[in-house]
N, C-alpha and C. Protein backbone atom coordinates (compact mmCIF):
# COMPACT_ATOMS: atom_id res chain seq x y z
N MET A 1 -113.27 93.39 -21.12
CA MET A 1 -113.82 92.72 -19.97
C MET A 1 -112.70 92.04 -19.20
N GLY A 2 -112.70 92.16 -17.88
CA GLY A 2 -111.63 91.59 -17.07
C GLY A 2 -111.82 90.11 -16.81
N GLU A 3 -110.81 89.55 -16.26
CA GLU A 3 -110.83 88.14 -15.91
C GLU A 3 -111.82 87.88 -14.77
N GLU A 4 -112.58 86.81 -14.87
CA GLU A 4 -113.50 86.44 -13.80
C GLU A 4 -112.68 86.04 -12.57
N VAL A 5 -113.17 86.41 -11.38
CA VAL A 5 -112.46 86.14 -10.14
C VAL A 5 -113.35 85.33 -9.21
N VAL A 6 -112.82 84.19 -8.76
CA VAL A 6 -113.45 83.37 -7.74
C VAL A 6 -112.70 83.66 -6.44
N ARG A 7 -113.42 83.97 -5.38
CA ARG A 7 -112.78 84.30 -4.11
C ARG A 7 -113.19 83.32 -3.02
N VAL A 8 -112.23 83.02 -2.15
CA VAL A 8 -112.49 82.28 -0.91
C VAL A 8 -112.29 83.29 0.20
N VAL A 9 -113.39 83.61 0.89
CA VAL A 9 -113.36 84.68 1.89
C VAL A 9 -114.00 84.21 3.19
N PRO A 10 -113.57 84.81 4.32
CA PRO A 10 -114.23 84.48 5.58
C PRO A 10 -115.69 84.91 5.53
N TYR A 11 -116.55 84.10 6.17
CA TYR A 11 -117.98 84.36 6.14
C TYR A 11 -118.56 83.86 7.45
N GLY A 12 -118.79 84.76 8.38
CA GLY A 12 -119.25 84.35 9.70
C GLY A 12 -118.22 83.45 10.34
N GLU A 13 -118.66 82.28 10.77
CA GLU A 13 -117.74 81.30 11.36
C GLU A 13 -117.13 80.37 10.31
N GLY A 14 -117.54 80.53 9.05
CA GLY A 14 -117.06 79.65 7.99
C GLY A 14 -116.37 80.39 6.87
N TRP A 15 -116.49 79.83 5.67
CA TRP A 15 -115.83 80.37 4.48
C TRP A 15 -116.80 80.37 3.32
N ALA A 16 -116.77 81.43 2.51
CA ALA A 16 -117.66 81.55 1.36
C ALA A 16 -116.85 81.51 0.07
N ILE A 17 -117.48 80.98 -0.97
CA ILE A 17 -116.93 81.02 -2.32
C ILE A 17 -117.79 82.02 -3.08
N THR A 18 -117.16 83.08 -3.56
CA THR A 18 -117.88 84.12 -4.30
C THR A 18 -117.31 84.24 -5.71
N VAL A 19 -118.11 84.80 -6.60
CA VAL A 19 -117.68 85.02 -7.99
C VAL A 19 -117.93 86.48 -8.32
N SER A 20 -116.98 87.09 -9.02
CA SER A 20 -117.11 88.50 -9.39
C SER A 20 -118.43 88.73 -10.12
N GLY A 21 -119.09 89.83 -9.75
CA GLY A 21 -120.34 90.19 -10.40
C GLY A 21 -121.58 89.60 -9.74
N GLN A 22 -121.41 88.73 -8.76
CA GLN A 22 -122.55 88.14 -8.07
C GLN A 22 -122.55 88.60 -6.61
N GLU A 23 -123.69 89.00 -6.12
CA GLU A 23 -123.78 89.52 -4.76
C GLU A 23 -123.74 88.43 -3.70
N GLU A 24 -124.41 87.33 -3.95
CA GLU A 24 -124.51 86.26 -2.97
C GLU A 24 -123.41 85.22 -3.18
N PRO A 25 -122.91 84.61 -2.09
CA PRO A 25 -121.93 83.53 -2.24
C PRO A 25 -122.53 82.35 -3.00
N LEU A 26 -121.69 81.66 -3.77
CA LEU A 26 -122.14 80.45 -4.44
C LEU A 26 -122.29 79.31 -3.45
N ASP A 27 -121.44 79.30 -2.43
CA ASP A 27 -121.48 78.26 -1.42
C ASP A 27 -120.81 78.77 -0.15
N VAL A 28 -121.15 78.16 0.96
CA VAL A 28 -120.54 78.48 2.25
C VAL A 28 -120.16 77.16 2.90
N THR A 29 -118.94 77.07 3.42
CA THR A 29 -118.46 75.86 4.07
C THR A 29 -117.98 76.17 5.48
N ARG A 30 -117.88 75.15 6.30
CA ARG A 30 -117.36 75.33 7.66
C ARG A 30 -115.84 75.42 7.66
N ARG A 31 -115.20 74.67 6.77
CA ARG A 31 -113.74 74.59 6.76
C ARG A 31 -113.14 75.27 5.53
N LYS A 32 -112.01 75.91 5.74
CA LYS A 32 -111.32 76.60 4.65
C LYS A 32 -110.88 75.61 3.58
N ARG A 33 -110.41 74.44 3.98
CA ARG A 33 -109.95 73.43 3.02
C ARG A 33 -111.06 73.08 2.03
N ALA A 34 -112.29 72.91 2.53
CA ALA A 34 -113.43 72.60 1.66
C ALA A 34 -113.71 73.75 0.70
N ALA A 35 -113.62 74.98 1.20
CA ALA A 35 -113.83 76.16 0.35
C ALA A 35 -112.75 76.25 -0.71
N LEU A 36 -111.50 75.95 -0.36
CA LEU A 36 -110.41 75.97 -1.33
C LEU A 36 -110.63 74.92 -2.41
N ASP A 37 -111.03 73.74 -2.03
CA ASP A 37 -111.28 72.68 -3.02
C ASP A 37 -112.38 73.09 -3.99
N LEU A 38 -113.48 73.61 -3.46
CA LEU A 38 -114.59 74.05 -4.31
C LEU A 38 -114.20 75.25 -5.18
N GLY A 39 -113.51 76.22 -4.58
CA GLY A 39 -113.09 77.41 -5.32
C GLY A 39 -112.12 77.08 -6.43
N ASN A 40 -111.17 76.19 -6.16
CA ASN A 40 -110.21 75.78 -7.19
C ASN A 40 -110.90 75.08 -8.35
N ALA A 41 -111.81 74.16 -8.04
CA ALA A 41 -112.52 73.45 -9.10
C ALA A 41 -113.33 74.42 -9.95
N LEU A 42 -113.99 75.36 -9.31
CA LEU A 42 -114.79 76.35 -10.03
C LEU A 42 -113.91 77.24 -10.91
N ALA A 43 -112.81 77.74 -10.35
CA ALA A 43 -111.91 78.61 -11.12
C ALA A 43 -111.30 77.85 -12.29
N ARG A 44 -110.90 76.62 -12.06
CA ARG A 44 -110.31 75.81 -13.14
C ARG A 44 -111.34 75.57 -14.24
N ASP A 45 -112.58 75.21 -13.87
CA ASP A 45 -113.63 74.96 -14.87
C ASP A 45 -113.98 76.19 -15.68
N ARG A 46 -113.92 77.36 -15.04
CA ARG A 46 -114.30 78.61 -15.71
C ARG A 46 -113.13 79.35 -16.34
N GLY A 47 -111.91 78.84 -16.16
CA GLY A 47 -110.74 79.55 -16.67
C GLY A 47 -110.59 80.90 -15.99
N ALA A 48 -110.84 80.93 -14.68
CA ALA A 48 -110.87 82.18 -13.91
C ALA A 48 -109.64 82.28 -13.00
N ARG A 49 -109.56 83.37 -12.27
CA ARG A 49 -108.55 83.58 -11.25
C ARG A 49 -109.16 83.24 -9.90
N ILE A 50 -108.40 82.55 -9.04
CA ILE A 50 -108.84 82.32 -7.67
C ILE A 50 -108.02 83.23 -6.76
N VAL A 51 -108.71 83.89 -5.85
CA VAL A 51 -108.07 84.76 -4.86
C VAL A 51 -108.52 84.25 -3.49
N VAL A 52 -107.56 83.97 -2.63
CA VAL A 52 -107.84 83.43 -1.31
C VAL A 52 -107.47 84.46 -0.26
N HIS A 53 -108.33 84.60 0.74
CA HIS A 53 -108.11 85.55 1.83
C HIS A 53 -107.91 84.81 3.15
N ARG A 54 -107.24 85.47 4.07
CA ARG A 54 -107.07 84.94 5.42
C ARG A 54 -108.32 85.23 6.25
N ARG A 55 -108.38 84.66 7.43
CA ARG A 55 -109.51 84.86 8.34
C ARG A 55 -109.73 86.35 8.62
N ASP A 56 -108.64 87.14 8.70
CA ASP A 56 -108.78 88.58 8.97
C ASP A 56 -109.15 89.39 7.72
N GLY A 57 -109.34 88.70 6.59
CA GLY A 57 -109.76 89.36 5.36
C GLY A 57 -108.63 89.82 4.46
N THR A 58 -107.39 89.74 4.92
CA THR A 58 -106.26 90.17 4.10
C THR A 58 -105.97 89.14 3.01
N PHE A 59 -105.31 89.59 1.97
CA PHE A 59 -104.95 88.74 0.83
C PHE A 59 -103.97 87.66 1.26
N GLN A 60 -104.21 86.43 0.78
CA GLN A 60 -103.29 85.33 1.06
C GLN A 60 -102.59 84.86 -0.20
N LEU A 61 -103.34 84.58 -1.26
CA LEU A 61 -102.72 84.14 -2.51
C LEU A 61 -103.68 84.29 -3.66
N SER A 62 -103.12 84.20 -4.86
CA SER A 62 -103.90 84.31 -6.09
C SER A 62 -103.28 83.42 -7.14
N HIS A 63 -104.13 82.83 -7.99
CA HIS A 63 -103.65 82.00 -9.09
C HIS A 63 -104.65 82.08 -10.23
N SER A 64 -104.15 82.18 -11.46
CA SER A 64 -105.02 82.27 -12.63
C SER A 64 -105.04 80.96 -13.40
N TYR A 65 -106.24 80.52 -13.74
CA TYR A 65 -106.43 79.36 -14.60
C TYR A 65 -106.85 79.80 -16.00
N ALA A 66 -106.71 81.08 -16.31
CA ALA A 66 -107.10 81.60 -17.62
C ALA A 66 -106.24 80.98 -18.72
N ALA A 67 -106.82 80.90 -19.91
CA ALA A 67 -106.10 80.36 -21.06
C ALA A 67 -104.80 81.15 -21.24
N GLY A 68 -103.72 80.46 -21.47
CA GLY A 68 -102.43 81.11 -21.65
C GLY A 68 -101.66 81.28 -20.36
N SER A 69 -102.31 81.06 -19.23
CA SER A 69 -101.60 81.14 -17.95
C SER A 69 -100.84 79.84 -17.74
N HIS A 70 -99.65 79.94 -17.21
CA HIS A 70 -98.87 78.75 -16.91
C HIS A 70 -99.41 78.12 -15.63
N TYR A 71 -99.84 76.87 -15.71
CA TYR A 71 -100.36 76.19 -14.54
C TYR A 71 -99.22 75.88 -13.57
N SER A 72 -99.42 76.22 -12.33
CA SER A 72 -98.45 75.89 -11.30
C SER A 72 -99.19 75.69 -9.99
N ARG A 73 -98.54 75.05 -9.07
CA ARG A 73 -99.11 74.84 -7.75
C ARG A 73 -98.42 75.77 -6.77
N TYR A 74 -99.21 76.32 -5.89
CA TYR A 74 -98.68 77.21 -4.87
C TYR A 74 -98.81 76.51 -3.52
N TRP A 75 -97.76 76.55 -2.75
CA TRP A 75 -97.79 76.01 -1.39
C TRP A 75 -97.62 77.18 -0.45
N ILE A 76 -98.47 77.27 0.54
CA ILE A 76 -98.35 78.32 1.53
C ILE A 76 -98.52 77.73 2.91
N ASN A 77 -97.97 78.37 3.91
CA ASN A 77 -98.13 77.91 5.27
C ASN A 77 -99.25 78.72 5.91
N HIS A 78 -100.27 78.06 6.38
CA HIS A 78 -101.42 78.73 6.99
C HIS A 78 -101.80 77.98 8.27
N SER A 79 -101.63 78.62 9.39
CA SER A 79 -101.99 78.01 10.67
C SER A 79 -101.38 76.63 10.81
N SER A 80 -100.11 76.51 10.52
CA SER A 80 -99.33 75.29 10.61
C SER A 80 -99.88 74.17 9.70
N GLU A 81 -100.67 74.54 8.71
CA GLU A 81 -101.20 73.57 7.75
C GLU A 81 -100.72 73.98 6.36
N GLN A 82 -100.23 73.05 5.58
CA GLN A 82 -99.81 73.35 4.22
C GLN A 82 -101.02 73.30 3.31
N LEU A 83 -101.26 74.37 2.57
CA LEU A 83 -102.37 74.42 1.63
C LEU A 83 -101.83 74.39 0.21
N ARG A 84 -102.41 73.56 -0.64
CA ARG A 84 -101.97 73.46 -2.02
C ARG A 84 -103.06 74.02 -2.92
N ILE A 85 -102.63 74.85 -3.84
CA ILE A 85 -103.56 75.41 -4.83
C ILE A 85 -103.14 74.90 -6.19
């Protein structure tokens, strides 16, 4: 069985948090920052991987909270805003 994946993806005018194997989003937010905060907390609690996408749907970053993974923080530049994972 593969690692569970939590995704932050564009959803209409907002952002959705989805989990592998589930059809419907767990939550939808207006701001990406809120979706990242929720997605990170969920991935950390579940020992899952978080995958974040840009507004155009392309891959932005990924981080695993699975047991045995080295915890680290990722900083990326997105729309002149620094995002921390």
